[in-house]
Amino acid sequence: MPNLTKPELNAIREQLQRERALISRFTSNARDAEDPQLRTLYEQIAARHQSHWNTLCGLLGME
């Protein structure tokens, strides 16, 4: 893990919380969507935020 400062670690942790909320929101929207195209779009957005989550976890050595 790179040597991150305390403010950098806090910023990453805050962003992880945001990403988790977005993953949850868009996954829920996908489940509730009746339109297949809209469901696919929500799933893609959730996957993009999951990728962000994975990247941030990698910075913290949580992979």
PDB file of N, CA and C in Angstrom:
ATOM      1  N   MET A   1       0.852  -1.178   0.000  1.00  0.00           N
ATOM      2  CA  MET A   1       0.000   0.000   0.000  1.00  0.00           C
ATOM      3  C   MET A   1       0.894   1.237   0.000  1.00  0.00           C
ATOM      4  N   PRO A   2       0.560   2.197  -0.845  1.00  0.00           N
ATOM      5  CA  PRO A   2       1.355   3.422  -0.852  1.00  0.00           C
ATOM      6  C   PRO A   2       1.181   4.161   0.475  1.00  0.00           C
ATOM      7  N   ASN A   3       2.149   5.000   0.793  1.00  0.00           N
ATOM      8  CA  ASN A   3       2.054   5.801   2.004  1.00  0.00           C
ATOM      9  C   ASN A   3       1.088   6.949   1.773  1.00  0.00           C
ATOM     10  N   LEU A   4      -0.107   6.794   2.301  1.00  0.00           N
ATOM     11  CA  LEU A   4      -1.133   7.827   2.151  1.00  0.00           C
ATOM     12  C   LEU A   4      -1.225   8.618   3.443  1.00  0.00           C
ATOM     13  N   THR A   5      -1.487   9.904   3.293  1.00  0.00           N
ATOM     14  CA  THR A   5      -1.651  10.742   4.476  1.00  0.00           C
ATOM     15  C   THR A   5      -3.023  10.477   5.094  1.00  0.00           C
ATOM     16  N   LYS A   6      -3.191  10.914   6.319  1.00  0.00           N
ATOM     17  CA  LYS A   6      -4.473  10.740   6.997  1.00  0.00           C
ATOM     18  C   LYS A   6      -5.616  11.417   6.231  1.00  0.00           C
ATOM     19  N   PRO A   7      -5.430  12.651   5.740  1.00  0.00           N
ATOM     20  CA  PRO A   7      -6.505  13.263   4.943  1.00  0.00           C
ATOM     21  C   PRO A   7      -6.827  12.477   3.673  1.00  0.00           C
ATOM     22  N   GLU A   8      -5.795  11.909   3.042  1.00  0.00           N
ATOM     23  CA  GLU A   8      -6.029  11.105   1.838  1.00  0.00           C
ATOM     24  C   GLU A   8      -6.819   9.844   2.180  1.00  0.00           C
ATOM     25  N   LEU A   9      -6.441   9.191   3.275  1.00  0.00           N
ATOM     26  CA  LEU A   9      -7.182   7.999   3.705  1.00  0.00           C
ATOM     27  C   LEU A   9      -8.630   8.329   4.032  1.00  0.00           C
ATOM     28  N   ASN A  10      -8.837   9.442   4.709  1.00  0.00           N
ATOM     29  CA  ASN A  10     -10.203   9.857   5.043  1.00  0.00           C
ATOM     30  C   ASN A  10     -11.014  10.136   3.783  1.00  0.00           C
ATOM     31  N   ALA A  11     -10.403  10.785   2.810  1.00  0.00           N
ATOM     32  CA  ALA A  11     -11.097  11.081   1.552  1.00  0.00           C
ATOM     33  C   ALA A  11     -11.466   9.792   0.824  1.00  0.00           C
ATOM     34  N   ILE A  12     -10.555   8.826   0.821  1.00  0.00           N
ATOM     35  CA  ILE A  12     -10.841   7.548   0.165  1.00  0.00           C
ATOM     36  C   ILE A  12     -11.966   6.824   0.891  1.00  0.00           C
ATOM     37  N   ARG A  13     -11.920   6.823   2.211  1.00  0.00           N
ATOM     38  CA  ARG A  13     -12.987   6.162   2.987  1.00  0.00           C
ATOM     39  C   ARG A  13     -14.343   6.818   2.753  1.00  0.00           C
ATOM     40  N   GLU A  14     -14.362   8.154   2.688  1.00  0.00           N
ATOM     41  CA  GLU A  14     -15.610   8.863   2.405  1.00  0.00           C
ATOM     42  C   GLU A  14     -16.134   8.506   1.017  1.00  0.00           C
ATOM     43  N   GLN A  15     -15.222   8.440   0.056  1.00  0.00           N
ATOM     44  CA  GLN A  15     -15.644   8.092  -1.302  1.00  0.00           C
ATOM     45  C   GLN A  15     -16.143   6.658  -1.361  1.00  0.00           C
ATOM     46  N   LEU A  16     -15.532   5.756  -0.589  1.00  0.00           N
ATOM     47  CA  LEU A  16     -16.026   4.377  -0.525  1.00  0.00           C
ATOM     48  C   LEU A  16     -17.472   4.348  -0.038  1.00  0.00           C
ATOM     49  N   GLN A  17     -17.785   5.159   0.953  1.00  0.00           N
ATOM     50  CA  GLN A  17     -19.159   5.228   1.454  1.00  0.00           C
ATOM     51  C   GLN A  17     -20.112   5.728   0.372  1.00  0.00           C
ATOM     52  N   ARG A  18     -19.671   6.735  -0.367  1.00  0.00           N
ATOM     53  CA  ARG A  18     -20.506   7.256  -1.463  1.00  0.00           C
ATOM     54  C   ARG A  18     -20.719   6.201  -2.537  1.00  0.00           C
ATOM     55  N   GLU A  19     -19.634   5.512  -2.902  1.00  0.00           N
ATOM     56  CA  GLU A  19     -19.740   4.483  -3.937  1.00  0.00           C
ATOM     57  C   GLU A  19     -20.662   3.358  -3.485  1.00  0.00           C
ATOM     58  N   ARG A  20     -20.566   2.949  -2.219  1.00  0.00           N
ATOM     59  CA  ARG A  20     -21.435   1.894  -1.705  1.00  0.00           C
ATOM     60  C   ARG A  20     -22.904   2.315  -1.806  1.00  0.00           C
ATOM     61  N   ALA A  21     -23.185   3.571  -1.454  1.00  0.00           N
ATOM     62  CA  ALA A  21     -24.558   4.071  -1.545  1.00  0.00           C
ATOM     63  C   ALA A  21     -25.047   4.083  -2.994  1.00  0.00           C
ATOM     64  N   LEU A  22     -24.187   4.488  -3.912  1.00  0.00           N
ATOM     65  CA  LEU A  22     -24.573   4.533  -5.328  1.00  0.00           C
ATOM     66  C   LEU A  22     -24.782   3.132  -5.890  1.00  0.00           C
ATOM     67  N   ILE A  23     -23.919   2.195  -5.517  1.00  0.00           N
ATOM     68  CA  ILE A  23     -24.095   0.809  -5.964  1.00  0.00           C
ATOM     69  C   ILE A  23     -25.439   0.290  -5.491  1.00  0.00           C
ATOM     70  N   SER A  24     -25.739   0.527  -4.233  1.00  0.00           N
ATOM     71  CA  SER A  24     -27.006   0.070  -3.654  1.00  0.00           C
ATOM     72  C   SER A  24     -28.197   0.712  -4.357  1.00  0.00           C
ATOM     73  N   ARG A  25     -28.129   2.016  -4.562  1.00  0.00           N
ATOM     74  CA  ARG A  25     -29.238   2.753  -5.185  1.00  0.00           C
ATOM     75  C   ARG A  25     -29.506   2.252  -6.602  1.00  0.00           C
ATOM     76  N   PHE A  26     -28.452   2.134  -7.419  1.00  0.00           N
ATOM     77  CA  PHE A  26     -28.663   1.741  -8.814  1.00  0.00           C
ATOM     78  C   PHE A  26     -28.996   0.262  -8.952  1.00  0.00           C
ATOM     79  N   THR A  27     -28.503  -0.574  -8.045  1.00  0.00           N
ATOM     80  CA  THR A  27     -28.891  -1.981  -8.052  1.00  0.00           C
ATOM     81  C   THR A  27     -30.368  -2.118  -7.713  1.00  0.00           C
ATOM     82  N   SER A  28     -30.809  -1.350  -6.732  1.00  0.00           N
ATOM     83  CA  SER A  28     -32.221  -1.357  -6.357  1.00  0.00           C
ATOM     84  C   SER A  28     -33.087  -0.838  -7.504  1.00  0.00           C
ATOM     85  N   ASN A  29     -32.651   0.239  -8.136  1.00  0.00           N
ATOM     86  CA  ASN A  29     -33.397   0.783  -9.278  1.00  0.00           C
ATOM     87  C   ASN A  29     -33.502  -0.247 -10.397  1.00  0.00           C
ATOM     88  N   ALA A  30     -32.429  -0.980 -10.637  1.00  0.00           N
ATOM     89  CA  ALA A  30     -32.435  -2.006 -11.690  1.00  0.00           C
ATOM     90  C   ALA A  30     -33.451  -3.094 -11.351  1.00  0.00           C
ATOM     91  N   ARG A  31     -33.480  -3.513 -10.089  1.00  0.00           N
ATOM     92  CA  ARG A  31     -34.444  -4.544  -9.670  1.00  0.00           C
ATOM     93  C   ARG A  31     -35.886  -4.080  -9.871  1.00  0.00           C
ATOM     94  N   ASP A  32     -36.122  -2.790  -9.614  1.00  0.00           N
ATOM     95  CA  ASP A  32     -37.481  -2.258  -9.670  1.00  0.00           C
ATOM     96  C   ASP A  32     -37.918  -1.822 -11.063  1.00  0.00           C
ATOM     97  N   ALA A  33     -36.976  -1.669 -11.967  1.00  0.00           N
ATOM     98  CA  ALA A  33     -37.302  -1.152 -13.301  1.00  0.00           C
ATOM     99  C   ALA A  33     -38.082  -2.193 -14.107  1.00  0.00           C
ATOM    100  N   GLU A  34     -39.159  -1.737 -14.690  1.00  0.00           N
ATOM    101  CA  GLU A  34     -39.955  -2.618 -15.548  1.00  0.00           C
ATOM    102  C   GLU A  34     -39.461  -2.582 -16.991  1.00  0.00           C
ATOM    103  N   ASP A  35     -38.918  -1.458 -17.397  1.00  0.00           N
ATOM    104  CA  ASP A  35     -38.401  -1.295 -18.754  1.00  0.00           C
ATOM    105  C   ASP A  35     -37.032  -1.982 -18.852  1.00  0.00           C
ATOM    106  N   PRO A  36     -36.882  -2.938 -19.762  1.00  0.00           N
ATOM    107  CA  PRO A  36     -35.605  -3.661 -19.882  1.00  0.00           C
ATOM    108  C   PRO A  36     -34.415  -2.759 -20.212  1.00  0.00           C
ATOM    109  N   GLN A  37     -34.639  -1.743 -21.025  1.00  0.00           N
ATOM    110  CA  GLN A  37     -33.535  -0.834 -21.369  1.00  0.00           C
ATOM    111  C   GLN A  37     -33.108  -0.024 -20.153  1.00  0.00           C
ATOM    112  N   LEU A  38     -34.081   0.426 -19.383  1.00  0.00           N
ATOM    113  CA  LEU A  38     -33.777   1.182 -18.180  1.00  0.00           C
ATOM    114  C   LEU A  38     -33.076   0.285 -17.156  1.00  0.00           C
ATOM    115  N   ARG A  39     -33.527  -0.965 -17.039  1.00  0.00           N
ATOM    116  CA  ARG A  39     -32.898  -1.916 -16.133  1.00  0.00           C
ATOM    117  C   ARG A  39     -31.430  -2.116 -16.513  1.00  0.00           C
ATOM    118  N   THR A  40     -31.171  -2.278 -17.798  1.00  0.00           N
ATOM    119  CA  THR A  40     -29.801  -2.460 -18.276  1.00  0.00           C
ATOM    120  C   THR A  40     -28.948  -1.237 -17.964  1.00  0.00           C
ATOM    121  N   LEU A  41     -29.508  -0.057 -18.172  1.00  0.00           N
ATOM    122  CA  LEU A  41     -28.777   1.178 -17.886  1.00  0.00           C
ATOM    123  C   LEU A  41     -28.421   1.256 -16.398  1.00  0.00           C
ATOM    124  N   TYR A  42     -29.379   0.982 -15.530  1.00  0.00           N
ATOM    125  CA  TYR A  42     -29.111   0.992 -14.088  1.00  0.00           C
ATOM    126  C   TYR A  42     -28.045  -0.041 -13.719  1.00  0.00           C
ATOM    127  N   GLU A  43     -28.097  -1.204 -14.319  1.00  0.00           N
ATOM    128  CA  GLU A  43     -27.095  -2.243 -14.046  1.00  0.00           C
ATOM    129  C   GLU A  43     -25.701  -1.780 -14.489  1.00  0.00           C
ATOM    130  N   GLN A  44     -25.624  -1.109 -15.618  1.00  0.00           N
ATOM    131  CA  GLN A  44     -24.343  -0.608 -16.105  1.00  0.00           C
ATOM    132  C   GLN A  44     -23.782   0.465 -15.178  1.00  0.00           C
ATOM    133  N   ILE A  45     -24.659   1.335 -14.704  1.00  0.00           N
ATOM    134  CA  ILE A  45     -24.214   2.394 -13.789  1.00  0.00           C
ATOM    135  C   ILE A  45     -23.749   1.778 -12.471  1.00  0.00           C
ATOM    136  N   ALA A  46     -24.489   0.802 -11.966  1.00  0.00           N
ATOM    137  CA  ALA A  46     -24.080   0.119 -10.730  1.00  0.00           C
ATOM    138  C   ALA A  46     -22.720  -0.551 -10.927  1.00  0.00           C
ATOM    139  N   ALA A  47     -22.504  -1.165 -12.073  1.00  0.00           N
ATOM    140  CA  ALA A  47     -21.227  -1.828 -12.358  1.00  0.00           C
ATOM    141  C   ALA A  47     -20.084  -0.815 -12.421  1.00  0.00           C
ATOM    142  N   ARG A  48     -20.356   0.354 -12.967  1.00  0.00           N
ATOM    143  CA  ARG A  48     -19.328   1.393 -13.039  1.00  0.00           C
ATOM    144  C   ARG A  48     -18.922   1.824 -11.623  1.00  0.00           C
ATOM    145  N   HIS A  49     -19.915   1.985 -10.738  1.00  0.00           N
ATOM    146  CA  HIS A  49     -19.608   2.372  -9.367  1.00  0.00           C
ATOM    147  C   HIS A  49     -18.930   1.229  -8.613  1.00  0.00           C
ATOM    148  N   GLN A  50     -19.260  -0.010  -8.964  1.00  0.00           N
ATOM    149  CA  GLN A  50     -18.563  -1.151  -8.364  1.00  0.00           C
ATOM    150  C   GLN A  50     -17.088  -1.135  -8.764  1.00  0.00           C
ATOM    151  N   SER A  51     -16.827  -0.753 -10.003  1.00  0.00           N
ATOM    152  CA  SER A  51     -15.447  -0.634 -10.468  1.00  0.00           C
ATOM    153  C   SER A  51     -14.708   0.448  -9.677  1.00  0.00           C
ATOM    154  N   HIS A  52     -15.384   1.571  -9.426  1.00  0.00           N
ATOM    155  CA  HIS A  52     -14.782   2.631  -8.613  1.00  0.00           C
ATOM    156  C   HIS A  52     -14.460   2.104  -7.218  1.00  0.00           C
ATOM    157  N   TRP A  53     -15.424   1.371  -6.638  1.00  0.00           N
ATOM    158  CA  TRP A  53     -15.247   0.777  -5.312  1.00  0.00           C
ATOM    159  C   TRP A  53     -14.001  -0.123  -5.300  1.00  0.00           C
ATOM    160  N   ASN A  54     -13.900  -0.988  -6.310  1.00  0.00           N
ATOM    161  CA  ASN A  54     -12.775  -1.918  -6.391  1.00  0.00           C
ATOM    162  C   ASN A  54     -11.444  -1.178  -6.492  1.00  0.00           C
ATOM    163  N   THR A  55     -11.409  -0.115  -7.262  1.00  0.00           N
ATOM    164  CA  THR A  55     -10.188   0.680  -7.416  1.00  0.00           C
ATOM    165  C   THR A  55      -9.788   1.299  -6.087  1.00  0.00           C
ATOM    166  N   LEU A  56     -10.751   1.887  -5.393  1.00  0.00           N
ATOM    167  CA  LEU A  56     -10.461   2.505  -4.107  1.00  0.00           C
ATOM    168  C   LEU A  56     -10.000   1.464  -3.083  1.00  0.00           C
ATOM    169  N   CYS A  57     -10.621   0.308  -3.089  1.00  0.00           N
ATOM    170  CA  CYS A  57     -10.188  -0.775  -2.183  1.00  0.00           C
ATOM    171  C   CYS A  57      -8.764  -1.181  -2.492  1.00  0.00           C
ATOM    172  N   GLY A  58      -8.409  -1.172  -3.762  1.00  0.00           N
ATOM    173  CA  GLY A  58      -7.049  -1.500  -4.150  1.00  0.00           C
ATOM    174  C   GLY A  58      -6.041  -0.495  -3.589  1.00  0.00           C
ATOM    175  N   LEU A  59      -6.436   0.774  -3.549  1.00  0.00           N
ATOM    176  CA  LEU A  59      -5.565   1.785  -2.979  1.00  0.00           C
ATOM    177  C   LEU A  59      -5.331   1.574  -1.486  1.00  0.00           C
ATOM    178  N   LEU A  60      -6.316   0.971  -0.826  1.00  0.00           N
ATOM    179  CA  LEU A  60      -6.212   0.722   0.606  1.00  0.00           C
ATOM    180  C   LEU A  60      -5.668  -0.664   0.906  1.00  0.00           C
ATOM    181  N   GLY A  61      -5.373  -1.435  -0.146  1.00  0.00           N
ATOM    182  CA  GLY A  61      -4.863  -2.787   0.060  1.00  0.00           C
ATOM    183  C   GLY A  61      -5.918  -3.741   0.539  1.00  0.00           C
ATOM    184  N   MET A  62      -7.182  -3.505   0.184  1.00  0.00           N
ATOM    185  CA  MET A  62      -8.302  -4.328   0.660  1.00  0.00           C
ATOM    186  C   MET A  62      -8.761  -5.327  -0.394  1.00  0.00           C
ATOM    187  N   GLU A  63      -7.983  -5.577  -1.409  1.00  0.00           N
ATOM    188  CA  GLU A  63      -8.415  -6.450  -2.495  1.00  0.00           C
ATOM    189  C   GLU A  63      -8.487  -7.889  -2.045  1.00  0.00           C
TER     190      GLU A  63
END
